[in-house]
Amino acid sequence: MAQQSQPASVEGSPQQSAHLAGTLVVCTDVGRSRSHNEDNFIIFDVRQCSTLEAGKEVRYSFASPGLLVGVADGMGGHSSGQVASQMCVETLPAQFVKLLPEKPSGDTDWDALLAQAVHATNEALLNTAKGNREYEGMGTTLTAALFLGRQARIAQVGDSRCYLLRGGNLTQLTQDQTVFNTLGEEERAALRDTPFENMLLQAVGAMAKLEVITIDIQLRPGDLLLFCSDGLYKVVSNEEMAEVLKGEGSFKHKADMLIERANNAGGPDNITVILCQVAESGE
């Protein structure tokens, strides 16, 4: 299916250097109600073909061909959700590198390249499910971004989210791809507190054709981006998230605090948090 581009409601600032950089940390937790963690994550330096493990705080350059970041929240019976999200975060970087031109240029369509990598990942998951009845019906959300130069190019499937804290204001950049969000207010009221309220319109590995929504934003030094699974935002309000993000402490401390707040609110689901603080690269 053709890719769509959805602009975010934030503006960039005049360029000061060729590219920016970011300090990143990721933390993930099983929560209070689940027996295993079906969330997974990507922090993949495309230049170095290296990844970041949970709990470490590392600075990365956004120089071409960029940094790939994302959250995947698996679903399906038994352990198939965990398999889906793990396959997704392993396959997407590999497919992105495979599709990458030998010498990227100013004419490279990065949105299309990222979307193609998502489609290829979807096909890989579908093929795995076809060959194993245990994995039938598995799928995963995916909210992934390519940090490149002075931009973030975000691709979304499902309801994991990306937020931007800029100038003290927290903005949700992505829109949940749920049945709930397609309905009018009266229909939404009827669905609240029912199993249909959170029903996804699409998921990676769950259908043959995906509509990958892409969002491009111009980054500014000082921006703080938050990627998370629904285990965070369904129990921690935007106001609470902003309070933590604007507070004192390291990025690791802030990520831990967000997870602690979700668990204090009952921890009904797995919780994954990625923070990316944007700065001038100094290069």
Protein backbone atom coordinates (compact mmCIF):
# COMPACT_ATOMS: atom_id res chain seq x y z
CA MET A 1 0.00 0.00 0.00
CA ALA A 2 1.22 3.49 -0.77
CA GLN A 3 2.97 5.35 2.00
CA GLN A 4 1.36 8.47 3.44
CA SER A 5 3.19 11.41 4.96
CA GLN A 6 1.73 13.21 7.95
CA PRO A 7 3.39 16.47 9.04
CA ALA A 8 3.85 17.12 12.74
CA SER A 9 2.71 20.40 14.27
CA VAL A 10 6.21 21.57 15.25
CA GLU A 11 8.67 23.74 13.38
CA GLY A 12 12.42 23.58 13.13
CA SER A 13 15.07 26.22 13.63
CA PRO A 14 17.68 27.53 11.16
CA GLN A 15 20.50 25.09 10.51
CA GLN A 16 23.71 25.69 12.43
CA SER A 17 25.68 22.60 11.43
CA ALA A 18 25.38 19.65 9.10
CA HIS A 19 23.89 17.33 11.70
CA LEU A 20 22.85 17.02 15.31
CA ALA A 21 23.55 14.33 17.92
CA GLY A 22 21.58 12.68 20.68
CA THR A 23 22.09 11.15 24.11
CA LEU A 24 19.91 8.06 24.41
CA VAL A 25 18.82 5.61 27.06
CA VAL A 26 16.28 2.78 27.02
CA CYS A 27 14.62 1.02 29.96
CA THR A 28 12.06 -1.77 29.85
CA ASP A 29 10.08 -3.57 32.54
CA VAL A 30 7.62 -6.47 32.64
CA GLY A 31 5.17 -4.51 34.80
CA ARG A 32 3.09 -5.84 37.69
CA SER A 33 0.56 -8.03 35.88
CA ARG A 34 2.39 -9.88 33.09
CA SER A 35 4.55 -12.98 33.40
CA HIS A 36 6.89 -12.05 30.53
CA ASN A 37 7.90 -8.98 28.57
CA GLU A 38 6.56 -8.78 24.99
CA ASP A 39 8.07 -5.31 24.42
CA ASN A 40 11.28 -4.89 22.47
CA PHE A 41 13.30 -1.92 21.24
CA ILE A 42 15.74 -0.72 18.59
CA ILE A 43 18.67 1.66 19.02
CA PHE A 44 20.82 0.97 15.97
CA ASP A 45 23.72 3.10 14.74
CA VAL A 46 23.49 2.60 10.96
CA ARG A 47 27.06 3.81 10.35
CA GLN A 48 28.62 1.45 12.87
CA CYS A 49 25.98 -1.33 12.65
CA SER A 50 25.98 -1.35 16.46
CA THR A 51 23.17 -1.50 19.02
CA LEU A 52 22.57 -0.13 22.52
CA GLU A 53 21.50 -2.39 25.36
CA ALA A 54 18.96 -1.41 28.01
CA GLY A 55 20.09 0.73 30.93
CA LYS A 56 23.08 2.40 29.24
CA GLU A 57 23.23 6.11 28.41
CA VAL A 58 25.15 6.76 25.17
CA ARG A 59 25.67 9.71 22.82
CA TYR A 60 25.21 9.10 19.08
CA SER A 61 25.78 11.24 16.00
CA PHE A 62 22.93 11.80 13.54
CA ALA A 63 25.39 11.93 10.64
CA SER A 64 24.36 10.03 7.49
CA PRO A 65 23.08 7.35 7.27
CA GLY A 66 21.72 8.06 10.72
CA LEU A 67 20.45 6.40 13.88
CA LEU A 68 17.46 4.04 13.94
CA VAL A 69 15.34 4.06 17.11
CA GLY A 70 12.08 2.29 17.87
CA VAL A 71 9.65 0.50 20.18
CA ALA A 72 7.76 -2.71 19.34
CA ASP A 73 4.94 -4.10 21.51
CA GLY A 74 4.13 -7.71 20.62
CA MET A 75 0.76 -9.45 20.72
CA GLY A 76 -0.50 -12.99 20.26
CA GLY A 77 -1.08 -16.14 22.24
CA HIS A 78 1.51 -17.94 24.36
CA SER A 79 4.97 -16.48 23.55
CA SER A 80 4.19 -15.41 19.99
CA GLY A 81 3.92 -11.71 20.89
CA GLN A 82 7.42 -11.81 22.30
CA VAL A 83 8.62 -13.57 19.13
CA ALA A 84 6.91 -10.98 16.91
CA SER A 85 8.44 -7.96 18.63
CA GLN A 86 11.89 -9.58 18.81
CA MET A 87 11.79 -10.48 15.10
CA CYS A 88 10.64 -6.96 14.29
CA VAL A 89 13.49 -5.18 16.07
CA GLU A 90 16.04 -7.57 14.56
CA THR A 91 14.65 -7.53 11.01
CA LEU A 92 13.97 -3.81 10.57
CA PRO A 93 17.62 -2.64 10.94
CA ALA A 94 18.80 -5.48 8.69
CA GLN A 95 16.26 -4.60 6.00
CA PHE A 96 17.06 -0.89 6.30
CA VAL A 97 20.77 -1.55 5.76
CA LYS A 98 19.96 -3.88 2.86
CA LEU A 99 17.87 -1.18 1.14
CA LEU A 100 20.35 1.62 1.85
CA PRO A 101 21.99 3.07 -1.28
CA GLU A 102 25.74 2.55 -1.47
CA LYS A 103 26.22 6.32 -1.53
CA PRO A 104 23.15 8.13 -0.08
CA SER A 105 22.65 11.59 -1.55
CA GLY A 106 20.40 14.61 -1.22
CA ASP A 107 17.96 12.87 -3.56
CA THR A 108 17.56 9.83 -1.30
CA ASP A 109 13.91 9.40 -0.25
CA TRP A 110 14.48 8.46 3.38
CA ASP A 111 10.77 8.26 4.21
CA ALA A 112 10.20 5.76 1.41
CA LEU A 113 13.30 3.78 2.40
CA LEU A 114 12.16 3.54 6.03
CA ALA A 115 8.64 2.53 4.97
CA GLN A 116 10.04 -0.13 2.60
CA ALA A 117 12.06 -1.58 5.46
CA VAL A 118 8.88 -1.79 7.56
CA HIS A 119 7.03 -3.54 4.70
CA ALA A 120 9.90 -6.03 4.33
CA THR A 121 9.82 -6.66 8.08
CA ASN A 122 6.08 -7.27 7.89
CA GLU A 123 6.61 -9.83 5.12
CA ALA A 124 9.28 -11.63 7.15
CA LEU A 125 6.95 -11.96 10.14
CA LEU A 126 4.10 -13.18 7.94
CA ASN A 127 6.32 -15.85 6.41
CA THR A 128 7.44 -17.03 9.84
CA ALA A 129 3.83 -17.32 11.03
CA LYS A 130 2.85 -19.28 7.92
CA GLY A 131 5.55 -21.82 8.63
CA ASN A 132 4.69 -22.31 12.30
CA ARG A 133 1.14 -22.79 13.59
CA GLU A 134 2.27 -21.74 17.08
CA TYR A 135 2.90 -18.22 15.75
CA GLU A 136 -0.34 -17.89 13.81
CA GLY A 137 -1.96 -14.53 14.54
CA MET A 138 1.14 -12.94 16.04
CA GLY A 139 1.88 -9.29 15.43
CA THR A 140 3.53 -6.22 16.90
CA THR A 141 3.22 -2.48 16.99
CA LEU A 142 6.16 -0.47 15.67
CA THR A 143 7.01 3.17 16.19
CA ALA A 144 10.44 3.77 14.70
CA ALA A 145 12.43 6.87 13.83
CA LEU A 146 15.45 7.57 11.69
CA PHE A 147 17.47 10.42 13.22
CA LEU A 148 19.36 11.86 10.28
CA GLY A 149 21.08 15.22 9.99
CA ARG A 150 18.74 17.66 11.70
CA GLN A 151 15.55 15.67 11.18
CA ALA A 152 13.63 12.79 12.70
CA ARG A 153 11.62 10.65 10.27
CA ILE A 154 9.08 8.59 12.17
CA ALA A 155 7.26 5.51 10.85
CA GLN A 156 4.23 4.19 12.72
CA VAL A 157 2.18 0.99 12.76
CA GLY A 158 -0.13 0.43 15.74
CA ASP A 159 -0.31 2.37 19.00
CA SER A 160 3.15 2.71 20.49
CA ARG A 161 3.90 6.43 20.71
CA CYS A 162 6.48 9.15 20.18
CA TYR A 163 6.34 12.42 22.13
CA LEU A 164 8.38 15.61 21.85
CA LEU A 165 9.24 17.84 24.80
CA ARG A 166 10.18 21.27 23.47
CA GLY A 167 10.13 24.57 25.34
CA GLY A 168 8.52 22.88 28.33
CA ASN A 169 5.57 21.60 26.26
CA LEU A 170 4.95 17.89 25.64
CA THR A 171 3.46 17.10 22.20
CA GLN A 172 2.28 13.69 21.03
CA LEU A 173 3.72 13.32 17.52
CA THR A 174 2.08 10.01 16.58
CA GLN A 175 -1.58 9.04 16.42
CA ASP A 176 -2.74 5.67 17.71
CA GLN A 177 -3.96 3.46 14.87
CA THR A 178 -7.00 2.12 16.73
CA VAL A 179 -10.67 1.61 15.92
CA PHE A 180 -11.43 4.09 18.71
CA ASN A 181 -9.65 6.91 16.86
CA THR A 182 -11.75 6.40 13.72
CA LEU A 183 -15.07 6.96 15.50
CA GLY A 184 -17.18 9.95 16.50
CA GLU A 185 -17.65 11.01 20.11
CA GLU A 186 -20.91 9.09 20.67
CA GLU A 187 -19.43 5.89 19.21
CA ARG A 188 -16.30 6.35 21.32
CA ALA A 189 -18.41 6.67 24.47
CA ALA A 190 -20.06 3.33 23.69
CA LEU A 191 -16.66 1.63 23.32
CA ARG A 192 -15.04 2.98 26.49
CA ASP A 193 -14.10 0.29 29.00
CA THR A 194 -14.81 -2.50 26.51
CA PRO A 195 -12.31 -4.88 24.82
CA PHE A 196 -12.87 -2.97 21.54
CA GLU A 197 -11.56 0.33 22.92
CA ASN A 198 -7.93 -0.63 22.26
CA MET A 199 -8.42 -2.71 19.11
CA LEU A 200 -5.68 -1.98 16.58
CA LEU A 201 -6.38 -1.24 12.93
CA GLN A 202 -3.08 -2.81 11.91
CA ALA A 203 0.06 -4.43 13.27
CA VAL A 204 3.34 -5.63 11.77
CA GLY A 205 3.05 -9.33 10.93
CA ALA A 206 -0.73 -9.42 11.32
CA MET A 207 -1.81 -8.54 7.77
CA ALA A 208 -0.50 -8.73 4.23
CA LYS A 209 -0.70 -4.99 3.52
CA LEU A 210 0.24 -2.15 5.84
CA GLU A 211 -0.30 1.58 5.63
CA VAL A 212 2.92 2.94 7.08
CA ILE A 213 2.33 6.50 8.30
CA THR A 214 5.45 8.68 8.22
CA ILE A 215 5.98 11.92 10.11
CA ASP A 216 8.94 14.26 9.51
CA ILE A 217 10.05 16.86 12.04
CA GLN A 218 12.89 19.36 12.13
CA LEU A 219 14.86 18.89 15.33
CA ARG A 220 16.30 21.57 17.60
CA PRO A 221 19.07 21.34 20.17
CA GLY A 222 17.37 20.85 23.52
CA ASP A 223 14.53 18.70 22.15
CA LEU A 224 13.75 15.61 24.21
CA LEU A 225 11.96 12.76 22.44
CA LEU A 226 10.15 9.97 24.26
CA PHE A 227 9.26 6.65 22.61
CA CYS A 228 7.09 4.31 24.65
CA SER A 229 4.73 1.36 24.63
CA ASP A 230 1.15 1.68 25.85
CA GLY A 231 2.15 0.27 29.23
CA LEU A 232 3.34 3.79 30.04
CA TYR A 233 0.83 6.22 28.57
CA LYS A 234 -2.31 4.29 29.50
CA VAL A 235 -1.61 4.73 33.20
CA VAL A 236 0.66 7.81 33.33
CA SER A 237 -0.84 11.09 32.14
CA ASN A 238 0.86 13.53 29.77
CA GLU A 239 1.14 15.97 32.67
CA GLU A 240 2.97 13.39 34.81
CA MET A 241 5.27 12.46 31.94
CA ALA A 242 6.13 16.11 31.32
CA GLU A 243 6.79 16.62 35.03
CA VAL A 244 9.30 13.76 35.09
CA LEU A 245 10.99 14.79 31.84
CA LYS A 246 11.42 18.39 33.02
CA GLY A 247 12.73 17.31 36.42
CA GLU A 248 16.26 16.90 37.71
CA GLY A 249 18.47 13.86 37.18
CA SER A 250 20.07 11.84 34.42
CA PHE A 251 18.13 10.51 31.44
CA LYS A 252 18.44 7.03 32.95
CA HIS A 253 16.88 8.34 36.16
CA LYS A 254 14.02 9.92 34.22
CA ALA A 255 13.34 6.73 32.27
CA ASP A 256 13.36 4.75 35.52
CA MET A 257 11.00 7.27 37.11
CA LEU A 258 8.49 6.93 34.26
CA ILE A 259 8.52 3.14 34.64
CA GLU A 260 8.16 3.48 38.42
CA ARG A 261 5.12 5.71 37.96
CA ALA A 262 3.52 3.19 35.61
CA ASN A 263 4.11 0.39 38.11
CA ASN A 264 2.80 2.52 40.97
CA ALA A 265 -0.37 2.95 38.90
CA GLY A 266 -0.80 -0.82 38.78
CA GLY A 267 1.68 -1.79 36.06
CA PRO A 268 -1.02 -3.58 34.02
CA ASP A 269 1.24 -4.08 30.99
CA ASN A 270 4.87 -4.23 29.92
CA ILE A 271 6.55 -0.80 29.93
CA THR A 272 9.29 0.38 27.57
CA VAL A 273 10.75 3.90 27.52
CA ILE A 274 13.37 5.37 25.18
CA LEU A 275 14.60 8.93 25.74
CA CYS A 276 16.63 10.91 23.20
CA GLN A 277 18.05 14.30 24.15
CA VAL A 278 19.07 16.33 21.07
CA ALA A 279 22.16 18.56 20.99
CA GLU A 280 24.61 20.08 18.53
CA SER A 281 27.05 17.43 17.35
CA GLY A 282 30.20 19.51 17.79
CA GLU A 283 31.52 17.96 14.56
